[in-house]
């Protein structure tokens, strides 16, 4: 909606009451799909694309159910003071708009406030837990932060052109993206040259996906191809790589088939300079999208964990060692646990590589990595892994339900412990506030902990994604 479409009433204060003209709605809140939430005079809820809290709007309803409606803003009669001009030309509500971001029309600090409210609401309504202290939100650059992205590719035969980008809003079609301000500037500038490159390739009709992975000094592009590439196509890729200073990886099938276009190349890695740690990774590995925020997140997590040289720490869902290796700079002994043996092997390699480059006085603590099915944890498995003074828990979206439940069962059945003791402190990092709240319910109401603090991490600015953390201490 352009600025000239916005009409402000002569006296906005007149809308403090519910006496609005027929069809006008006052927006009271924002959900995590960035839809404004309003109510009709009869109490029926209306979810409104493009509307912000405290606005008065008119709506075109596209979906009606007995308990709610969904629609799109057609006119703003009273505008929120937090509304801003989107920073991307492809952001909008109309058909064809990019669906990668949902909150660019809301000022960034207000986005963070909404996400913090979501965390607090989830903790209370789903877990009946209220943190004793709310941590200051972790924020960082709102643009150029997305160092990982999966972009769809399509050669449009009728137009004779290639599209590369995120999907359109509420559509399976690919947005006609020419720039993307949330990607690093050098990658955003590469979008049109990439379209031209793929349009010249023999395999242009069988290239469905392009994955981006930026390290601290290397930019990798992973090209998914459904058929073998010709020598001519590989020559085009090499020429592009030299011109744009990127590294090509090819993916014929699943992620395990990813390999460098050429046999050798510089290694992808990111640094955690506060701890003198360098983390090598492959372009299809899971690493945090936002490296700036990740560094702050790791530093805060370890500050809250407060591991001592006399303590043993377990890092559950350890991945490549994003938290494990920094913990090993502070603790006396560390155990990293992950679900796949292949990932555990990569963690061991990263630990060994970092240990080899550290002076003896700064050696990492003795650290083991083991594989466990973390979604089928039992009290017996927990006891077998041994007592730890502190835990760092960083699960996927599914959360750590089995782990929390096993801990609760040991608290409720002391005879199962066999000398095992629960951790004094748990730092829980979450990418899903709903599963965090569910697990917090177990930890607080069954496992004997109190939630001393919680807060949000704005890892994905302008999106509805919420990263959060909570600290639990044994009562």
Protein backbone atom coordinates (compact mmCIF):
# COMPACT_ATOMS: atom_id res chain seq x y z
CA UNK A 1 0.00 0.00 0.00
CA UNK A 2 1.46 3.35 -1.00
CA UNK A 3 1.54 6.40 1.27
CA UNK A 4 -1.22 8.11 -0.70
CA UNK A 5 -3.52 5.19 0.11
CA UNK A 6 -3.29 5.95 3.82
CA UNK A 7 -5.94 8.30 5.17
CA UNK A 8 -5.65 9.62 8.73
CA UNK A 9 -8.89 10.74 10.40
CA UNK A 10 -9.07 14.33 11.61
CA UNK A 11 -9.27 13.15 15.21
CA UNK A 12 -7.58 9.77 15.77
CA UNK A 13 -8.40 9.96 19.49
CA UNK A 14 -12.04 9.43 18.58
CA UNK A 15 -11.16 5.79 17.90
CA UNK A 16 -10.24 5.10 21.52
CA UNK A 17 -13.81 3.86 21.96
CA UNK A 18 -15.45 1.03 20.06
CA UNK A 19 -17.70 3.48 18.21
CA UNK A 20 -16.23 2.98 14.71
CA UNK A 21 -17.90 3.36 11.33
CA UNK A 22 -19.43 0.15 10.03
CA UNK A 23 -16.84 -2.26 8.63
CA UNK A 24 -13.86 -0.53 10.25
CA UNK A 25 -11.76 -2.61 12.64
CA UNK A 26 -9.34 -1.73 15.41
CA UNK A 27 -6.26 -3.97 15.48
CA UNK A 28 -5.32 -5.09 18.99
CA UNK A 29 -2.35 -7.43 18.49
CA UNK A 30 -0.08 -9.17 16.01
CA UNK A 31 0.23 -12.93 15.60
CA UNK A 32 3.41 -14.74 14.60
CA UNK A 33 2.40 -14.82 10.96
CA UNK A 34 2.54 -11.00 11.20
CA UNK A 35 -1.22 -10.76 10.83
CA UNK A 36 -3.05 -8.07 12.77
CA UNK A 37 -5.72 -9.39 15.12
CA UNK A 38 -9.03 -7.57 15.47
CA UNK A 39 -12.55 -8.41 16.61
CA UNK A 40 -15.88 -7.65 15.09
CA UNK A 41 -18.60 -6.14 17.34
CA UNK A 42 -19.98 -9.68 17.83
CA UNK A 43 -16.57 -10.86 19.10
CA UNK A 44 -15.51 -12.78 15.99
CA UNK A 45 -11.74 -12.73 15.45
CA UNK A 46 -10.35 -11.32 12.19
CA UNK A 47 -6.75 -11.95 11.10
CA UNK A 48 -5.56 -9.16 8.82
CA UNK A 49 -2.53 -9.26 6.50
CA UNK A 50 -0.69 -5.94 6.53
CA UNK A 51 -2.32 -4.49 9.65
CA UNK A 52 -0.41 -3.48 12.79
CA UNK A 53 -1.47 -3.10 16.42
CA UNK A 54 -3.36 0.12 17.28
CA UNK A 55 -4.35 0.74 13.67
CA UNK A 56 -7.91 1.25 12.45
CA UNK A 57 -8.40 -0.41 9.08
CA UNK A 58 -10.81 -1.63 6.43
CA UNK A 59 -10.41 -5.23 5.31
CA UNK A 60 -11.16 -7.39 2.31
CA UNK A 61 -12.06 -10.79 3.72
CA UNK A 62 -10.79 -13.78 1.75
CA UNK A 63 -11.66 -16.60 4.13
CA UNK A 64 -14.59 -17.05 6.49
CA UNK A 65 -15.01 -19.67 9.18
CA UNK A 66 -17.50 -19.94 12.01
CA UNK A 67 -14.95 -18.76 14.60
CA UNK A 68 -12.65 -16.47 12.59
CA UNK A 69 -12.03 -14.61 9.33
CA UNK A 70 -8.87 -13.86 7.38
CA UNK A 71 -8.36 -10.91 5.09
CA UNK A 72 -6.07 -8.18 3.76
CA UNK A 73 -5.92 -4.46 4.52
CA UNK A 74 -7.60 -2.31 1.91
CA UNK A 75 -7.34 1.03 3.71
CA UNK A 76 -5.64 2.36 6.84
CA UNK A 77 -7.73 5.00 8.61
CA UNK A 78 -5.44 5.42 11.61
CA UNK A 79 -1.81 4.42 11.15
CA UNK A 80 0.50 2.92 13.80
CA UNK A 81 3.49 5.02 14.82
CA UNK A 82 5.55 1.83 14.37
CA UNK A 83 4.74 1.46 10.67
CA UNK A 84 7.76 2.03 8.41
CA UNK A 85 8.48 1.92 4.71
CA UNK A 86 9.70 -1.60 3.79
CA UNK A 87 13.38 -1.76 2.90
CA UNK A 88 12.90 -4.18 -0.01
CA UNK A 89 11.09 -3.42 -3.29
CA UNK A 90 9.77 -7.00 -3.41
CA UNK A 91 8.00 -6.83 -0.03
CA UNK A 92 4.23 -6.33 -0.10
CA UNK A 93 0.78 -7.84 0.19
CA UNK A 94 -0.08 -8.16 -3.48
CA UNK A 95 0.28 -11.27 -5.63
CA UNK A 96 3.86 -11.70 -6.74
CA UNK A 97 5.37 -10.21 -3.58
CA UNK A 98 8.23 -12.13 -2.02
CA UNK A 99 7.20 -14.28 0.93
CA UNK A 100 10.64 -14.43 2.53
CA UNK A 101 9.87 -11.62 5.03
CA UNK A 102 6.63 -10.84 6.86
CA UNK A 103 7.43 -7.86 9.09
CA UNK A 104 9.31 -5.28 7.04
CA UNK A 105 6.44 -2.81 7.51
CA UNK A 106 7.01 -2.90 11.30
CA UNK A 107 9.90 -1.00 12.95
CA UNK A 108 12.63 -3.45 13.98
CA UNK A 109 12.54 -2.77 17.72
CA UNK A 110 8.77 -3.26 17.63
CA UNK A 111 9.31 -6.61 15.89
CA UNK A 112 11.50 -7.66 18.82
CA UNK A 113 8.87 -6.52 21.33
CA UNK A 114 6.26 -8.64 19.55
CA UNK A 115 8.54 -11.67 19.65
CA UNK A 116 9.26 -11.19 23.34
CA UNK A 117 5.53 -11.04 24.03
CA UNK A 118 5.11 -14.30 22.11
CA UNK A 119 7.75 -15.96 24.31
CA UNK A 120 6.14 -14.69 27.53
CA UNK A 121 2.66 -15.73 26.37
CA UNK A 122 3.85 -19.21 25.39
CA UNK A 123 5.65 -19.74 28.68
CA UNK A 124 2.59 -18.74 30.67
CA UNK A 125 -0.30 -20.11 28.62
CA UNK A 126 1.36 -23.38 27.56
CA UNK A 127 3.69 -24.01 30.49
CA UNK A 128 2.23 -21.97 33.37
CA UNK A 129 5.77 -20.66 33.84
CA UNK A 130 6.82 -17.06 34.39
CA UNK A 131 10.50 -16.19 34.24
CA UNK A 132 11.76 -14.33 37.30
CA UNK A 133 13.74 -11.97 35.02
CA UNK A 134 13.30 -11.13 31.35
CA UNK A 135 16.67 -10.86 29.63
CA UNK A 136 17.42 -7.93 27.35
CA UNK A 137 16.72 -9.07 23.76
CA UNK A 138 19.72 -9.93 21.60
CA UNK A 139 19.58 -7.80 18.45
CA UNK A 140 21.93 -7.16 15.55
CA UNK A 141 22.00 -5.99 11.94
CA UNK A 142 18.53 -5.99 10.38
CA UNK A 143 19.86 -6.11 6.80
CA UNK A 144 22.54 -8.15 5.08
CA UNK A 145 22.55 -10.71 7.89
CA UNK A 146 21.31 -13.85 6.16
CA UNK A 147 24.44 -15.92 5.54
CA UNK A 148 22.44 -19.06 4.76
CA UNK A 149 19.51 -19.32 2.35
CA UNK A 150 17.79 -21.87 0.14
CA UNK A 151 16.55 -20.26 -3.07
CA UNK A 152 14.28 -21.88 -5.61
CA UNK A 153 15.26 -21.84 -9.30
CA UNK A 154 12.98 -22.07 -12.30
CA UNK A 155 13.51 -21.60 -16.02
CA UNK A 156 10.29 -20.08 -17.40
CA UNK A 157 10.14 -21.43 -20.94
CA UNK A 158 7.41 -19.06 -22.17
CA UNK A 159 9.39 -16.02 -21.05
CA UNK A 160 12.79 -17.47 -21.82
CA UNK A 161 14.13 -16.30 -18.47
CA UNK A 162 15.23 -17.71 -15.13
CA UNK A 163 13.77 -16.86 -11.72
CA UNK A 164 15.82 -17.29 -8.55
CA UNK A 165 14.42 -16.45 -5.15
CA UNK A 166 12.04 -17.23 -2.31
CA UNK A 167 8.45 -18.22 -2.97
CA UNK A 168 5.77 -15.60 -3.40
CA UNK A 169 3.45 -14.91 -0.48
CA UNK A 170 1.08 -17.84 0.03
CA UNK A 171 2.07 -19.33 -3.32
CA UNK A 172 4.17 -22.09 -4.84
CA UNK A 173 5.45 -19.67 -7.48
CA UNK A 174 8.91 -18.12 -7.25
CA UNK A 175 9.10 -14.37 -6.65
CA UNK A 176 10.73 -12.33 -9.41
CA UNK A 177 13.57 -11.15 -7.16
CA UNK A 178 16.23 -8.81 -8.51
CA UNK A 179 17.67 -7.85 -5.12
CA UNK A 180 17.35 -9.14 -1.55
CA UNK A 181 18.46 -6.74 1.20
CA UNK A 182 18.48 -9.43 3.91
CA UNK A 183 21.17 -11.35 2.01
CA UNK A 184 24.78 -10.12 2.22
CA UNK A 185 25.19 -7.23 -0.26
CA UNK A 186 27.63 -9.15 -2.48
CA UNK A 187 25.11 -12.01 -2.76
CA UNK A 188 22.19 -9.67 -3.45
CA UNK A 189 24.19 -8.11 -6.29
CA UNK A 190 24.76 -11.60 -7.64
CA UNK A 191 21.07 -12.49 -8.18
CA UNK A 192 20.73 -11.06 -11.69
CA UNK A 193 24.12 -12.45 -12.86
CA UNK A 194 23.06 -15.85 -11.49
CA UNK A 195 19.83 -15.70 -13.48
CA UNK A 196 21.81 -14.91 -16.60
CA UNK A 197 24.29 -17.71 -15.88
CA UNK A 198 21.67 -20.41 -15.43
CA UNK A 199 19.79 -19.19 -18.49
CA UNK A 200 22.92 -19.99 -20.55
CA UNK A 201 23.34 -23.53 -19.18
CA UNK A 202 22.31 -26.69 -21.03
CA UNK A 203 20.73 -28.03 -17.83
CA UNK A 204 18.70 -24.89 -17.11
CA UNK A 205 15.41 -26.81 -17.08
CA UNK A 206 16.63 -29.32 -14.47
CA UNK A 207 18.15 -27.03 -11.83
CA UNK A 208 15.51 -26.64 -9.09
CA UNK A 209 17.46 -25.14 -6.20
CA UNK A 210 20.40 -22.98 -5.22
CA UNK A 211 21.68 -22.97 -1.65
CA UNK A 212 23.83 -20.21 -0.19
CA UNK A 213 26.33 -20.67 2.63
CA UNK A 214 28.68 -17.84 3.59
CA UNK A 215 31.67 -18.37 5.85
CA UNK A 216 33.88 -15.67 7.25
CA UNK A 217 36.00 -15.61 4.09
CA UNK A 218 34.34 -18.00 1.60
CA UNK A 219 30.97 -17.79 -0.15
CA UNK A 220 29.69 -21.18 -1.29
CA UNK A 221 26.84 -21.84 -3.74
CA UNK A 222 25.32 -25.33 -3.85
CA UNK A 223 23.62 -26.11 -7.17
CA UNK A 224 21.03 -28.89 -7.08
CA UNK A 225 20.99 -30.63 -10.47
CA UNK A 226 18.63 -33.38 -11.60
CA UNK A 227 20.87 -34.62 -14.42
CA UNK A 228 24.66 -34.70 -14.95
CA UNK A 229 26.14 -31.35 -15.98
CA UNK A 230 27.86 -31.03 -19.33
CA UNK A 231 31.48 -29.94 -19.62
CA UNK A 232 30.20 -26.68 -21.09
CA UNK A 233 27.99 -26.04 -18.05
CA UNK A 234 30.89 -26.71 -15.70
CA UNK A 235 33.03 -24.25 -17.65
CA UNK A 236 30.32 -21.60 -17.24
CA UNK A 237 30.22 -22.25 -13.49
CA UNK A 238 34.02 -21.95 -13.20
CA UNK A 239 34.03 -18.68 -15.14
CA UNK A 240 31.28 -17.29 -12.89
CA UNK A 241 33.14 -18.44 -9.74
CA UNK A 242 36.30 -16.63 -10.82
CA UNK A 243 34.40 -13.43 -11.67
CA UNK A 244 32.27 -13.38 -8.49
CA UNK A 245 34.78 -14.94 -6.06
CA UNK A 246 32.50 -17.80 -5.04
CA UNK A 247 32.91 -21.53 -4.58
CA UNK A 248 30.61 -23.94 -6.43
CA UNK A 249 29.36 -27.18 -4.88
CA UNK A 250 27.19 -29.66 -6.79
CA UNK A 251 24.35 -31.71 -5.32
CA UNK A 252 23.07 -34.59 -7.47
CA UNK A 253 20.67 -36.08 -4.90
CA UNK A 254 20.44 -35.73 -1.11
CA UNK A 255 22.67 -33.52 1.09
CA UNK A 256 25.19 -36.36 1.46
CA UNK A 257 25.98 -36.16 -2.27
CA UNK A 258 27.28 -32.58 -2.08
CA UNK A 259 30.80 -32.16 -3.43
CA UNK A 260 33.03 -29.37 -4.67
CA UNK A 261 32.90 -28.67 -8.41
CA UNK A 262 36.69 -28.90 -8.34
CA UNK A 263 38.68 -31.20 -6.09
CA UNK A 264 40.18 -28.50 -3.90
CA UNK A 265 39.19 -25.16 -2.52
CA UNK A 266 39.41 -23.02 0.62
CA UNK A 267 37.47 -24.35 3.59
CA UNK A 268 34.21 -22.83 4.79
CA UNK A 269 34.39 -21.77 8.42
CA UNK A 270 33.14 -19.21 10.89
CA UNK A 271 34.85 -17.86 13.96
CA UNK A 272 33.89 -17.41 17.60
CA UNK A 273 36.63 -14.88 18.41
CA UNK A 274 35.63 -14.45 22.07
CA UNK A 275 36.79 -18.03 22.63
CA UNK A 276 39.52 -18.36 19.99
CA UNK A 277 37.44 -21.01 18.19
CA UNK A 278 37.18 -21.59 14.43
CA UNK A 279 34.32 -23.81 13.24
CA UNK A 280 34.78 -25.52 9.83
CA UNK A 281 31.55 -26.61 8.12
CA UNK A 282 30.15 -27.93 4.87
CA UNK A 283 27.65 -25.79 2.94
CA UNK A 284 24.73 -28.14 3.70
CA UNK A 285 25.54 -28.43 7.43
CA UNK A 286 23.24 -26.77 9.92
CA UNK A 287 24.83 -23.54 11.11
CA UNK A 288 23.12 -20.39 12.36
CA UNK A 289 21.82 -18.11 9.61
CA UNK A 290 23.02 -14.95 11.33
CA UNK A 291 26.72 -15.12 12.34
CA UNK A 292 26.64 -11.73 14.08
CA UNK A 293 23.84 -12.81 16.41
CA UNK A 294 25.32 -16.29 16.85
CA UNK A 295 28.50 -14.85 18.36
CA UNK A 296 26.49 -12.85 20.89
CA UNK A 297 24.19 -15.80 21.58
CA UNK A 298 27.12 -18.13 22.35
CA UNK A 299 28.79 -15.53 24.56
CA UNK A 300 25.60 -14.87 26.55
CA UNK A 301 24.79 -18.57 26.88
CA UNK A 302 28.21 -19.32 28.32
CA UNK A 303 28.05 -16.33 30.63
CA UNK A 304 24.72 -17.62 31.97
CA UNK A 305 26.01 -21.19 32.16
CA UNK A 306 29.02 -19.93 34.17
CA UNK A 307 30.98 -23.18 33.80
CA UNK A 308 33.95 -23.59 36.14
CA UNK A 309 37.20 -25.51 35.71
CA UNK A 310 36.02 -27.92 38.42
CA UNK A 311 32.73 -28.72 36.65
CA UNK A 312 31.48 -31.25 34.13
CA UNK A 313 29.07 -29.95 31.47
CA UNK A 314 26.85 -31.79 28.98
CA UNK A 315 25.93 -30.10 25.69
CA UNK A 316 22.76 -31.82 24.45
CA UNK A 317 22.04 -31.60 20.68
CA UNK A 318 25.62 -30.40 20.21
CA UNK A 319 25.65 -30.28 16.38
CA UNK A 320 29.11 -29.42 15.08
CA UNK A 321 30.15 -28.04 18.47
CA UNK A 322 28.89 -24.44 18.24
CA UNK A 323 28.47 -24.37 22.04
CA UNK A 324 30.57 -27.42 22.98
CA UNK A 325 33.93 -26.03 21.92
CA UNK A 326 33.48 -22.66 23.67
CA UNK A 327 32.30 -24.53 26.79
CA UNK A 328 35.55 -26.52 26.64
CA UNK A 329 37.48 -23.25 27.09
CA UNK A 330 35.83 -22.78 30.51
CA UNK A 331 34.75 -26.13 32.00
CA UNK A 332 36.81 -28.97 33.45
CA UNK A 333 35.19 -31.72 31.36
CA UNK A 334 32.63 -31.66 28.55
CA UNK A 335 30.35 -34.24 26.94
CA UNK A 336 28.72 -33.36 23.59
CA UNK A 337 25.73 -35.49 22.60
CA UNK A 338 24.09 -35.57 19.16
CA UNK A 339 21.75 -37.90 17.33
CA UNK A 340 23.86 -39.02 14.35
CA UNK A 341 27.25 -40.72 14.44
CA UNK A 342 28.32 -38.92 11.24
CA UNK A 343 27.71 -35.56 12.92
CA UNK A 344 29.49 -36.71 16.06
CA UNK A 345 32.53 -37.60 13.94
CA UNK A 346 32.52 -34.07 12.48
CA UNK A 347 32.34 -32.62 16.01
CA UNK A 348 35.35 -34.69 17.07
CA UNK A 349 37.30 -33.42 14.06
CA UNK A 350 36.44 -29.79 14.87
CA UNK A 351 37.50 -30.30 18.48
CA UNK A 352 40.80 -31.88 17.46
CA UNK A 353 41.55 -29.14 14.92
CA UNK A 354 40.96 -26.39 17.48
CA UNK A 355 42.91 -28.23 20.17
CA UNK A 356 45.89 -28.62 17.83
CA UNK A 357 46.20 -24.87 17.28
CA UNK A 358 45.94 -23.78 20.91
CA UNK A 359 48.93 -23.21 23.19
CA UNK A 360 49.21 -25.62 26.11
CA UNK A 361 48.15 -22.96 28.61
CA UNK A 362 44.86 -22.49 26.68
CA UNK A 363 44.14 -26.15 25.94
CA UNK A 364 40.50 -27.16 25.64
CA UNK A 365 39.02 -29.27 28.43
CA UNK A 366 38.83 -33.04 27.87
CA UNK A 367 35.80 -33.47 25.64
CA UNK A 368 33.94 -36.51 24.39
CA UNK A 369 31.28 -36.69 21.68
CA UNK A 370 28.74 -39.51 21.62
CA UNK A 371 25.64 -40.38 19.59
CA UNK A 372 22.26 -40.86 21.30
CA UNK A 373 18.68 -40.95 20.08
CA UNK A 374 17.73 -37.79 21.95
CA UNK A 375 14.03 -38.23 21.18
CA UNK A 376 13.93 -41.55 23.03
CA UNK A 377 15.83 -40.66 26.19
CA UNK A 378 15.04 -42.64 29.35
CA UNK A 379 16.00 -42.16 33.00
CA UNK A 380 18.37 -45.11 32.67
CA UNK A 381 20.17 -43.51 29.70
CA UNK A 382 20.45 -40.25 31.60
CA UNK A 383 22.06 -41.99 34.57
CA UNK A 384 24.42 -43.87 32.24
CA UNK A 385 25.74 -40.58 30.80
CA UNK A 386 26.79 -39.57 34.30
CA UNK A 387 26.31 -36.63 36.59
CA UNK A 388 27.00 -33.18 35.17
CA UNK A 389 27.06 -29.93 37.07
CA UNK A 390 25.42 -28.01 34.23
CA UNK A 391 23.61 -28.59 30.93
CA UNK A 392 23.40 -26.65 27.69
CA UNK A 393 20.35 -27.75 25.68
CA UNK A 394 19.90 -26.58 22.07
CA UNK A 395 17.28 -28.80 20.38
CA UNK A 396 15.59 -28.52 16.96
CA UNK A 397 12.01 -27.28 16.66
CA UNK A 398 10.66 -30.48 18.22
CA UNK A 399 12.24 -29.48 21.53
CA UNK A 400 13.71 -31.70 24.24
CA UNK A 401 10.58 -33.42 25.53
CA UNK A 402 12.09 -36.88 26.13
CA UNK A 403 15.13 -35.40 27.86
CA UNK A 404 12.98 -33.18 30.11
CA UNK A 405 10.64 -36.05 30.90
CA UNK A 406 13.52 -38.38 31.83
CA UNK A 407 14.90 -35.70 34.15
CA UNK A 408 11.46 -35.29 35.77
CA UNK A 409 11.09 -39.04 36.29
CA UNK A 410 14.45 -39.17 38.07
CA UNK A 411 13.30 -36.36 40.35
CA UNK A 412 10.02 -38.15 41.08
CA UNK A 413 11.67 -41.57 41.60
CA UNK A 414 14.90 -41.11 43.60
CA UNK A 415 15.47 -44.88 43.68
CA UNK A 416 16.31 -44.75 39.95
CA UNK A 417 19.23 -42.37 40.43
CA UNK A 418 21.88 -44.80 41.78
CA UNK A 419 24.00 -41.91 43.02
CA UNK A 420 23.29 -39.76 39.96
CA UNK A 421 22.64 -36.04 40.64
CA UNK A 422 20.68 -33.58 38.49
CA UNK A 423 22.43 -30.54 36.97
CA UNK A 424 22.39 -27.41 39.10
CA UNK A 425 21.73 -25.19 36.08
CA UNK A 426 20.28 -25.64 32.60
CA UNK A 427 20.63 -23.11 29.80
CA UNK A 428 18.02 -23.96 27.16
CA UNK A 429 18.34 -22.35 23.69
CA UNK A 430 15.23 -22.73 21.56
CA UNK A 431 14.04 -22.05 18.01
CA UNK A 432 10.39 -22.74 18.94
CA UNK A 433 8.81 -20.94 21.93
CA UNK A 434 5.94 -23.44 22.04
CA UNK A 435 8.16 -26.47 22.63
CA UNK A 436 10.33 -24.45 25.02
CA UNK A 437 7.18 -23.67 27.03
CA UNK A 438 6.11 -27.32 26.99
CA UNK A 439 9.52 -28.44 28.27
CA UNK A 440 9.63 -25.59 30.82
CA UNK A 441 6.34 -26.92 32.23
CA UNK A 442 8.04 -30.28 32.89
CA UNK A 443 11.24 -28.78 34.28
CA UNK A 444 9.45 -26.40 36.66
CA UNK A 445 6.44 -28.44 37.74
CA UNK A 446 7.94 -31.92 37.79
CA UNK A 447 11.75 -31.84 37.68
CA UNK A 448 12.37 -29.43 40.57
CA UNK A 449 13.65 -26.33 38.76
CA UNK A 450 12.72 -22.66 38.71
CA UNK A 451 12.92 -20.47 35.60
CA UNK A 452 15.26 -17.68 36.65
CA UNK A 453 15.41 -15.85 33.31
CA UNK A 454 14.27 -15.92 29.69
CA UNK A 455 14.64 -13.75 26.60
CA UNK A 456 14.47 -13.58 22.83
CA UNK A 457 17.14 -13.52 20.15
CA UNK A 458 16.23 -11.70 16.93
CA UNK A 459 18.13 -14.12 14.70
CA UNK A 460 15.80 -13.55 11.71
CA UNK A 461 14.90 -9.86 11.47
CA UNK A 462 11.73 -9.06 9.45
CA UNK A 463 10.46 -12.66 9.73
CA UNK A 464 8.06 -14.25 12.18
CA UNK A 465 10.71 -16.69 13.42
CA UNK A 466 11.43 -16.51 17.16
CA UNK A 467 14.67 -17.71 18.78
CA UNK A 468 14.68 -17.69 22.57
CA UNK A 469 16.52 -18.90 25.64
CA UNK A 470 15.70 -19.71 29.23
CA UNK A 471 17.76 -20.48 32.33
CA UNK A 472 16.61 -23.03 34.91
CA UNK A 473 18.15 -23.56 38.33
CA UNK A 474 17.65 -26.51 40.66
CA UNK A 475 15.58 -25.63 43.71
